[in-house]
Amino acid sequence: MGARGPVPKRSTERRRRNKDGGEPVRAALAPGTAEWPEPDAGWHAIARDWYCSLAASGQAQFYEPSDVATARYVAEAMSRNLAAGRFSAQLFAAVSSAMTELLTTEGARRRVRIELEREPAGQEAPAGVTAIAHYRAALGA
């Protein structure tokens, strides 16, 4: 459970008779428009990967330059914690909280009613429909 209760279900999974105040913001996955400086060469590999993946994530289209600056700061703190001889649980908690504020997890995005949806690769028939078509073809129908 998160700070504001359990993670809500996706809007397509919810069944409600009473409406809760509107539809979530939906956005197609696309890189954001804010400028993303290159990651620092001295960062730990995990921090560098996280920072680069954040720039390419769907929620990046909602980011302002201040969010990018926050992401750089979080990556720096993450890198320092990972490179330190002794892992700091308190710094990890602060980094994790900051990552949540940047909407880096599915649960954090659902809590603010943002659902990212991937473009379908193509029109594929559901597995059950395909199986039925094979059975009909085998029976000569």
N, C-alpha and C. Protein backbone atom coordinates (compact mmCIF):
# COMPACT_ATOMS: atom_id res chain seq x y z
N MET A 1 0.83 -1.19 0.00
CA MET A 1 0.00 0.00 0.00
C MET A 1 0.87 1.24 0.00
N GLY A 2 0.45 2.22 -0.75
CA GLY A 2 1.20 3.46 -0.87
C GLY A 2 0.79 4.46 0.21
N ALA A 3 1.30 5.65 0.05
CA ALA A 3 1.02 6.71 1.01
C ALA A 3 -0.45 7.10 1.02
N ARG A 4 -1.13 6.91 -0.11
CA ARG A 4 -2.54 7.29 -0.20
C ARG A 4 -3.41 6.08 -0.47
N GLY A 5 -3.10 4.98 0.13
CA GLY A 5 -3.91 3.79 -0.04
C GLY A 5 -3.35 2.87 -1.10
N PRO A 6 -4.07 1.80 -1.40
CA PRO A 6 -3.58 0.84 -2.39
C PRO A 6 -3.58 1.44 -3.79
N VAL A 7 -2.79 0.86 -4.65
CA VAL A 7 -2.70 1.33 -6.04
C VAL A 7 -4.04 1.04 -6.72
N PRO A 8 -4.64 2.06 -7.33
CA PRO A 8 -5.91 1.83 -8.01
C PRO A 8 -5.74 0.93 -9.23
N LYS A 9 -6.82 0.28 -9.61
CA LYS A 9 -6.80 -0.53 -10.83
C LYS A 9 -6.79 0.41 -12.03
N ARG A 10 -6.40 -0.14 -13.19
CA ARG A 10 -6.50 0.63 -14.42
C ARG A 10 -7.97 0.91 -14.70
N SER A 11 -8.25 1.98 -15.42
CA SER A 11 -9.65 2.38 -15.64
C SER A 11 -10.43 1.30 -16.37
N THR A 12 -9.77 0.51 -17.21
CA THR A 12 -10.48 -0.55 -17.94
C THR A 12 -10.80 -1.74 -17.04
N GLU A 13 -10.16 -1.84 -15.89
CA GLU A 13 -10.40 -2.95 -14.97
C GLU A 13 -11.42 -2.60 -13.89
N ARG A 14 -11.78 -1.32 -13.77
CA ARG A 14 -12.70 -0.88 -12.73
C ARG A 14 -14.14 -1.00 -13.19
N ARG A 15 -15.00 -1.42 -12.26
CA ARG A 15 -16.44 -1.46 -12.53
C ARG A 15 -17.10 -0.67 -11.42
N ARG A 16 -17.69 0.46 -11.79
CA ARG A 16 -18.31 1.31 -10.78
C ARG A 16 -19.67 1.77 -11.25
N ARG A 17 -20.57 1.88 -10.32
CA ARG A 17 -21.88 2.46 -10.65
C ARG A 17 -21.85 3.96 -10.45
N ASN A 18 -21.10 4.39 -9.45
CA ASN A 18 -20.97 5.83 -9.22
C ASN A 18 -19.67 6.32 -9.83
N LYS A 19 -19.70 7.46 -10.44
CA LYS A 19 -18.51 8.00 -11.09
C LYS A 19 -17.67 8.72 -10.06
N ASP A 20 -16.35 8.62 -10.21
CA ASP A 20 -15.44 9.18 -9.21
C ASP A 20 -14.79 10.50 -9.63
N GLY A 21 -15.30 11.20 -10.59
CA GLY A 21 -14.76 12.51 -10.89
C GLY A 21 -14.06 12.63 -12.22
N GLY A 22 -14.22 11.70 -13.08
CA GLY A 22 -13.65 11.88 -14.42
C GLY A 22 -12.70 10.78 -14.83
N GLU A 23 -12.39 10.82 -16.07
CA GLU A 23 -11.48 9.85 -16.67
C GLU A 23 -10.04 10.24 -16.39
N PRO A 24 -9.15 9.27 -16.36
CA PRO A 24 -7.73 9.59 -16.17
C PRO A 24 -7.15 10.24 -17.42
N VAL A 25 -6.05 10.92 -17.24
CA VAL A 25 -5.34 11.50 -18.37
C VAL A 25 -4.68 10.34 -19.10
N ARG A 26 -4.89 10.25 -20.38
CA ARG A 26 -4.28 9.18 -21.17
C ARG A 26 -3.28 9.81 -22.12
N ALA A 27 -2.16 9.13 -22.27
CA ALA A 27 -1.14 9.65 -23.16
C ALA A 27 -0.45 8.50 -23.86
N ALA A 28 -0.20 8.67 -25.14
CA ALA A 28 0.57 7.68 -25.88
C ALA A 28 2.03 7.82 -25.50
N LEU A 29 2.76 6.72 -25.50
CA LEU A 29 4.16 6.76 -25.13
C LEU A 29 4.97 7.46 -26.21
N ALA A 30 5.58 8.55 -25.82
CA ALA A 30 6.43 9.33 -26.73
C ALA A 30 7.44 10.09 -25.88
N PRO A 31 8.63 10.31 -26.39
CA PRO A 31 9.60 11.08 -25.61
C PRO A 31 9.10 12.50 -25.35
N GLY A 32 9.51 13.05 -24.22
CA GLY A 32 9.08 14.39 -23.84
C GLY A 32 9.76 15.47 -24.66
N THR A 33 9.34 16.70 -24.42
CA THR A 33 9.88 17.82 -25.16
C THR A 33 10.91 18.60 -24.35
N ALA A 34 11.05 18.32 -23.05
CA ALA A 34 12.05 19.01 -22.23
C ALA A 34 13.45 18.54 -22.66
N GLU A 35 14.42 19.44 -22.53
CA GLU A 35 15.80 19.09 -22.89
C GLU A 35 16.41 18.22 -21.81
N TRP A 36 17.01 17.12 -22.22
CA TRP A 36 17.64 16.19 -21.28
C TRP A 36 19.15 16.24 -21.48
N PRO A 37 19.88 16.82 -20.54
CA PRO A 37 21.34 16.81 -20.64
C PRO A 37 21.87 15.38 -20.57
N GLU A 38 23.03 15.16 -21.13
CA GLU A 38 23.65 13.84 -21.08
C GLU A 38 23.92 13.46 -19.63
N PRO A 39 23.84 12.16 -19.31
CA PRO A 39 24.15 11.74 -17.94
C PRO A 39 25.62 11.97 -17.62
N ASP A 40 25.90 12.22 -16.37
CA ASP A 40 27.26 12.44 -15.92
C ASP A 40 28.07 11.16 -16.10
N ALA A 41 29.25 11.26 -16.66
CA ALA A 41 30.10 10.08 -16.90
C ALA A 41 30.54 9.41 -15.61
N GLY A 42 30.55 10.16 -14.51
CA GLY A 42 30.98 9.61 -13.23
C GLY A 42 29.89 8.89 -12.45
N TRP A 43 28.66 8.92 -12.95
CA TRP A 43 27.56 8.25 -12.24
C TRP A 43 27.72 6.75 -12.28
N HIS A 44 27.16 6.09 -11.30
CA HIS A 44 27.09 4.63 -11.26
C HIS A 44 26.24 4.18 -12.46
N ALA A 45 26.53 3.00 -13.00
CA ALA A 45 25.83 2.51 -14.20
C ALA A 45 24.32 2.42 -13.99
N ILE A 46 23.89 2.00 -12.81
CA ILE A 46 22.45 1.88 -12.55
C ILE A 46 21.79 3.26 -12.56
N ALA A 47 22.42 4.25 -11.96
CA ALA A 47 21.87 5.61 -11.95
C ALA A 47 21.82 6.18 -13.37
N ARG A 48 22.86 5.91 -14.15
CA ARG A 48 22.89 6.39 -15.54
C ARG A 48 21.78 5.73 -16.35
N ASP A 49 21.59 4.41 -16.19
CA ASP A 49 20.53 3.70 -16.90
C ASP A 49 19.15 4.24 -16.52
N TRP A 50 18.94 4.48 -15.22
CA TRP A 50 17.66 5.00 -14.77
C TRP A 50 17.38 6.37 -15.39
N TYR A 51 18.36 7.25 -15.36
CA TYR A 51 18.20 8.59 -15.90
C TYR A 51 17.89 8.54 -17.40
N CYS A 52 18.61 7.71 -18.14
CA CYS A 52 18.38 7.60 -19.59
C CYS A 52 17.00 7.01 -19.88
N SER A 53 16.58 6.01 -19.10
CA SER A 53 15.27 5.39 -19.33
C SER A 53 14.14 6.35 -19.00
N LEU A 54 14.37 7.22 -18.02
CA LEU A 54 13.35 8.20 -17.65
C LEU A 54 13.11 9.18 -18.80
N ALA A 55 14.16 9.57 -19.47
CA ALA A 55 14.03 10.51 -20.59
C ALA A 55 13.23 9.90 -21.74
N ALA A 56 13.30 8.59 -21.89
CA ALA A 56 12.61 7.90 -22.99
C ALA A 56 11.23 7.40 -22.59
N SER A 57 10.84 7.55 -21.33
CA SER A 57 9.57 7.04 -20.85
C SER A 57 8.41 7.95 -21.23
N GLY A 58 7.22 7.39 -21.21
CA GLY A 58 6.03 8.12 -21.61
C GLY A 58 5.70 9.31 -20.73
N GLN A 59 5.95 9.20 -19.43
CA GLN A 59 5.62 10.32 -18.55
C GLN A 59 6.52 11.53 -18.78
N ALA A 60 7.62 11.36 -19.52
CA ALA A 60 8.55 12.47 -19.79
C ALA A 60 7.87 13.59 -20.57
N GLN A 61 6.79 13.28 -21.29
CA GLN A 61 6.11 14.33 -22.04
C GLN A 61 5.42 15.33 -21.12
N PHE A 62 5.23 14.98 -19.86
CA PHE A 62 4.63 15.89 -18.90
C PHE A 62 5.69 16.69 -18.15
N TYR A 63 6.97 16.39 -18.35
CA TYR A 63 8.03 17.02 -17.57
C TYR A 63 8.35 18.43 -18.04
N GLU A 64 8.65 19.25 -17.08
CA GLU A 64 9.15 20.59 -17.29
C GLU A 64 10.65 20.57 -17.02
N PRO A 65 11.39 21.61 -17.38
CA PRO A 65 12.83 21.63 -17.10
C PRO A 65 13.16 21.40 -15.62
N SER A 66 12.30 21.85 -14.71
CA SER A 66 12.56 21.63 -13.28
C SER A 66 12.48 20.14 -12.93
N ASP A 67 11.62 19.40 -13.63
CA ASP A 67 11.54 17.95 -13.40
C ASP A 67 12.81 17.26 -13.87
N VAL A 68 13.35 17.72 -15.00
CA VAL A 68 14.59 17.15 -15.51
C VAL A 68 15.73 17.44 -14.54
N ALA A 69 15.75 18.64 -13.98
CA ALA A 69 16.78 18.97 -12.99
C ALA A 69 16.63 18.09 -11.75
N THR A 70 15.40 17.84 -11.35
CA THR A 70 15.16 16.94 -10.22
C THR A 70 15.65 15.53 -10.54
N ALA A 71 15.40 15.07 -11.74
CA ALA A 71 15.85 13.74 -12.14
C ALA A 71 17.37 13.65 -12.10
N ARG A 72 18.05 14.69 -12.53
CA ARG A 72 19.53 14.71 -12.47
C ARG A 72 20.00 14.62 -11.02
N TYR A 73 19.33 15.37 -10.15
CA TYR A 73 19.71 15.37 -8.74
C TYR A 73 19.47 13.99 -8.12
N VAL A 74 18.34 13.38 -8.43
CA VAL A 74 18.03 12.04 -7.92
C VAL A 74 19.06 11.03 -8.43
N ALA A 75 19.42 11.13 -9.71
CA ALA A 75 20.43 10.21 -10.27
C ALA A 75 21.78 10.41 -9.57
N GLU A 76 22.12 11.63 -9.25
CA GLU A 76 23.37 11.90 -8.52
C GLU A 76 23.34 11.27 -7.13
N ALA A 77 22.23 11.47 -6.41
CA ALA A 77 22.09 10.88 -5.07
C ALA A 77 22.11 9.36 -5.15
N MET A 78 21.42 8.81 -6.15
CA MET A 78 21.39 7.37 -6.35
C MET A 78 22.80 6.85 -6.61
N SER A 79 23.54 7.55 -7.45
CA SER A 79 24.89 7.14 -7.79
C SER A 79 25.80 7.16 -6.57
N ARG A 80 25.70 8.20 -5.78
CA ARG A 80 26.53 8.29 -4.57
C ARG A 80 26.21 7.18 -3.60
N ASN A 81 24.93 6.85 -3.46
CA ASN A 81 24.54 5.78 -2.54
C ASN A 81 25.04 4.43 -3.03
N LEU A 82 24.96 4.20 -4.34
CA LEU A 82 25.40 2.91 -4.90
C LEU A 82 26.92 2.77 -4.86
N ALA A 83 27.63 3.89 -4.99
CA ALA A 83 29.09 3.84 -5.02
C ALA A 83 29.70 3.86 -3.61
N ALA A 84 28.93 4.23 -2.62
CA ALA A 84 29.45 4.32 -1.25
C ALA A 84 29.79 2.92 -0.73
N GLY A 85 30.74 2.88 0.17
CA GLY A 85 31.12 1.61 0.77
C GLY A 85 30.01 1.03 1.62
N ARG A 86 29.20 1.91 2.21
CA ARG A 86 28.11 1.47 3.07
C ARG A 86 26.81 2.03 2.50
N PHE A 87 25.85 1.17 2.25
CA PHE A 87 24.57 1.57 1.65
C PHE A 87 23.72 2.25 2.71
N SER A 88 23.21 3.44 2.40
CA SER A 88 22.39 4.20 3.33
C SER A 88 20.91 3.95 3.07
N ALA A 89 20.23 3.34 4.03
CA ALA A 89 18.80 3.08 3.90
C ALA A 89 18.01 4.38 3.88
N GLN A 90 18.46 5.37 4.63
CA GLN A 90 17.76 6.64 4.68
C GLN A 90 17.86 7.37 3.33
N LEU A 91 19.04 7.35 2.72
CA LEU A 91 19.19 7.96 1.40
C LEU A 91 18.39 7.19 0.36
N PHE A 92 18.35 5.87 0.48
CA PHE A 92 17.56 5.07 -0.45
C PHE A 92 16.09 5.45 -0.35
N ALA A 93 15.58 5.64 0.88
CA ALA A 93 14.17 6.03 1.06
C ALA A 93 13.91 7.39 0.42
N ALA A 94 14.84 8.32 0.57
CA ALA A 94 14.67 9.65 -0.02
C ALA A 94 14.69 9.57 -1.55
N VAL A 95 15.60 8.78 -2.10
CA VAL A 95 15.69 8.61 -3.55
C VAL A 95 14.42 7.94 -4.08
N SER A 96 13.95 6.92 -3.37
CA SER A 96 12.74 6.23 -3.78
C SER A 96 11.54 7.16 -3.77
N SER A 97 11.43 8.01 -2.75
CA SER A 97 10.34 8.97 -2.67
C SER A 97 10.41 9.96 -3.83
N ALA A 98 11.60 10.44 -4.14
CA ALA A 98 11.77 11.37 -5.26
C ALA A 98 11.44 10.70 -6.59
N MET A 99 11.79 9.44 -6.73
CA MET A 99 11.46 8.71 -7.96
C MET A 99 9.95 8.60 -8.11
N THR A 100 9.24 8.38 -7.01
CA THR A 100 7.79 8.31 -7.05
C THR A 100 7.19 9.64 -7.47
N GLU A 101 7.76 10.73 -6.99
CA GLU A 101 7.25 12.04 -7.37
C GLU A 101 7.47 12.32 -8.86
N LEU A 102 8.45 11.66 -9.46
CA LEU A 102 8.69 11.81 -10.89
C LEU A 102 7.84 10.83 -11.71
N LEU A 103 6.93 10.12 -11.04
CA LEU A 103 5.99 9.19 -11.68
C LEU A 103 6.70 8.06 -12.42
N THR A 104 7.75 7.51 -11.81
CA THR A 104 8.52 6.48 -12.49
C THR A 104 7.92 5.09 -12.37
N THR A 105 6.92 4.90 -11.53
CA THR A 105 6.32 3.57 -11.40
C THR A 105 4.86 3.60 -11.86
N GLU A 106 4.36 2.45 -12.23
CA GLU A 106 2.97 2.32 -12.66
C GLU A 106 2.02 2.77 -11.56
N GLY A 107 2.29 2.37 -10.33
CA GLY A 107 1.43 2.73 -9.20
C GLY A 107 1.38 4.24 -8.98
N ALA A 108 2.51 4.91 -9.08
CA ALA A 108 2.55 6.37 -8.90
C ALA A 108 1.74 7.06 -9.99
N ARG A 109 1.84 6.56 -11.22
CA ARG A 109 1.07 7.16 -12.33
C ARG A 109 -0.43 6.93 -12.14
N ARG A 110 -0.82 5.74 -11.69
CA ARG A 110 -2.24 5.48 -11.49
C ARG A 110 -2.82 6.36 -10.39
N ARG A 111 -2.05 6.62 -9.34
CA ARG A 111 -2.55 7.45 -8.26
C ARG A 111 -2.86 8.87 -8.72
N VAL A 112 -2.14 9.37 -9.71
CA VAL A 112 -2.44 10.70 -10.25
C VAL A 112 -3.27 10.61 -11.53
N ARG A 113 -3.78 9.41 -11.80
CA ARG A 113 -4.70 9.16 -12.90
C ARG A 113 -4.08 9.39 -14.27
N ILE A 114 -2.84 8.92 -14.43
CA ILE A 114 -2.19 8.93 -15.74
C ILE A 114 -1.98 7.47 -16.14
N GLU A 115 -2.48 7.11 -17.29
CA GLU A 115 -2.30 5.76 -17.82
C GLU A 115 -1.58 5.84 -19.15
N LEU A 116 -0.44 5.21 -19.24
CA LEU A 116 0.32 5.18 -20.48
C LEU A 116 -0.02 3.89 -21.21
N GLU A 117 -0.28 4.00 -22.49
CA GLU A 117 -0.65 2.83 -23.28
C GLU A 117 0.27 2.73 -24.48
N ARG A 118 0.79 1.56 -24.71
CA ARG A 118 1.66 1.32 -25.85
C ARG A 118 0.81 1.18 -27.11
N GLU A 119 1.37 1.65 -28.21
CA GLU A 119 0.70 1.48 -29.50
C GLU A 119 0.68 0.00 -29.85
N PRO A 120 -0.44 -0.53 -30.33
CA PRO A 120 -0.45 -1.94 -30.72
C PRO A 120 0.47 -2.19 -31.91
N ALA A 121 1.19 -3.30 -31.88
CA ALA A 121 2.13 -3.64 -32.95
C ALA A 121 1.40 -3.90 -34.26
N GLY A 122 0.22 -4.40 -34.16
CA GLY A 122 -0.58 -4.68 -35.35
C GLY A 122 -1.91 -5.24 -34.91
N GLN A 123 -2.81 -5.42 -35.82
CA GLN A 123 -4.09 -5.99 -35.48
C GLN A 123 -3.95 -7.50 -35.37
N GLU A 124 -3.89 -7.96 -34.14
CA GLU A 124 -3.79 -9.40 -33.93
C GLU A 124 -5.10 -9.91 -33.36
N ALA A 125 -5.54 -11.05 -33.83
CA ALA A 125 -6.74 -11.66 -33.30
C ALA A 125 -6.43 -12.29 -31.95
N PRO A 126 -7.35 -12.24 -31.00
CA PRO A 126 -7.12 -12.89 -29.72
C PRO A 126 -6.85 -14.38 -29.92
N ALA A 127 -6.12 -14.98 -29.00
CA ALA A 127 -5.72 -16.38 -29.13
C ALA A 127 -6.91 -17.30 -29.31
N GLY A 128 -8.01 -17.04 -28.58
CA GLY A 128 -9.19 -17.89 -28.69
C GLY A 128 -9.79 -17.86 -30.09
N VAL A 129 -9.83 -16.71 -30.71
CA VAL A 129 -10.38 -16.59 -32.06
C VAL A 129 -9.49 -17.33 -33.06
N THR A 130 -8.18 -17.22 -32.90
CA THR A 130 -7.25 -17.91 -33.78
C THR A 130 -7.41 -19.42 -33.65
N ALA A 131 -7.55 -19.90 -32.42
CA ALA A 131 -7.70 -21.35 -32.20
C ALA A 131 -8.98 -21.86 -32.84
N ILE A 132 -10.07 -21.11 -32.72
CA ILE A 132 -11.34 -21.52 -33.32
C ILE A 132 -11.20 -21.57 -34.84
N ALA A 133 -10.52 -20.62 -35.42
CA ALA A 133 -10.34 -20.60 -36.87
C ALA A 133 -9.54 -21.82 -37.32
N HIS A 134 -8.54 -22.23 -36.54
CA HIS A 134 -7.77 -23.44 -36.88
C HIS A 134 -8.64 -24.70 -36.79
N TYR A 135 -9.49 -24.76 -35.73
CA TYR A 135 -10.37 -25.93 -35.59
C TYR A 135 -11.36 -26.01 -36.76
N ARG A 136 -11.91 -24.87 -37.15
CA ARG A 136 -12.86 -24.87 -38.28
C ARG A 136 -12.15 -25.31 -39.57
N ALA A 137 -10.93 -24.83 -39.77
CA ALA A 137 -10.20 -25.21 -40.97
C ALA A 137 -9.88 -26.70 -40.96
N ALA A 138 -9.56 -27.23 -39.80
CA ALA A 138 -9.27 -28.67 -39.69
C ALA A 138 -10.51 -29.53 -39.94
N LEU A 139 -11.67 -29.01 -39.58
CA LEU A 139 -12.92 -29.75 -39.78
C LEU A 139 -13.48 -29.57 -41.19
N GLY A 140 -12.88 -28.67 -41.95
CA GLY A 140 -13.33 -28.46 -43.31
C GLY A 140 -14.50 -27.51 -43.42
N ALA A 141 -14.74 -26.73 -42.38
CA ALA A 141 -15.88 -25.81 -42.39
C ALA A 141 -15.49 -24.48 -42.98
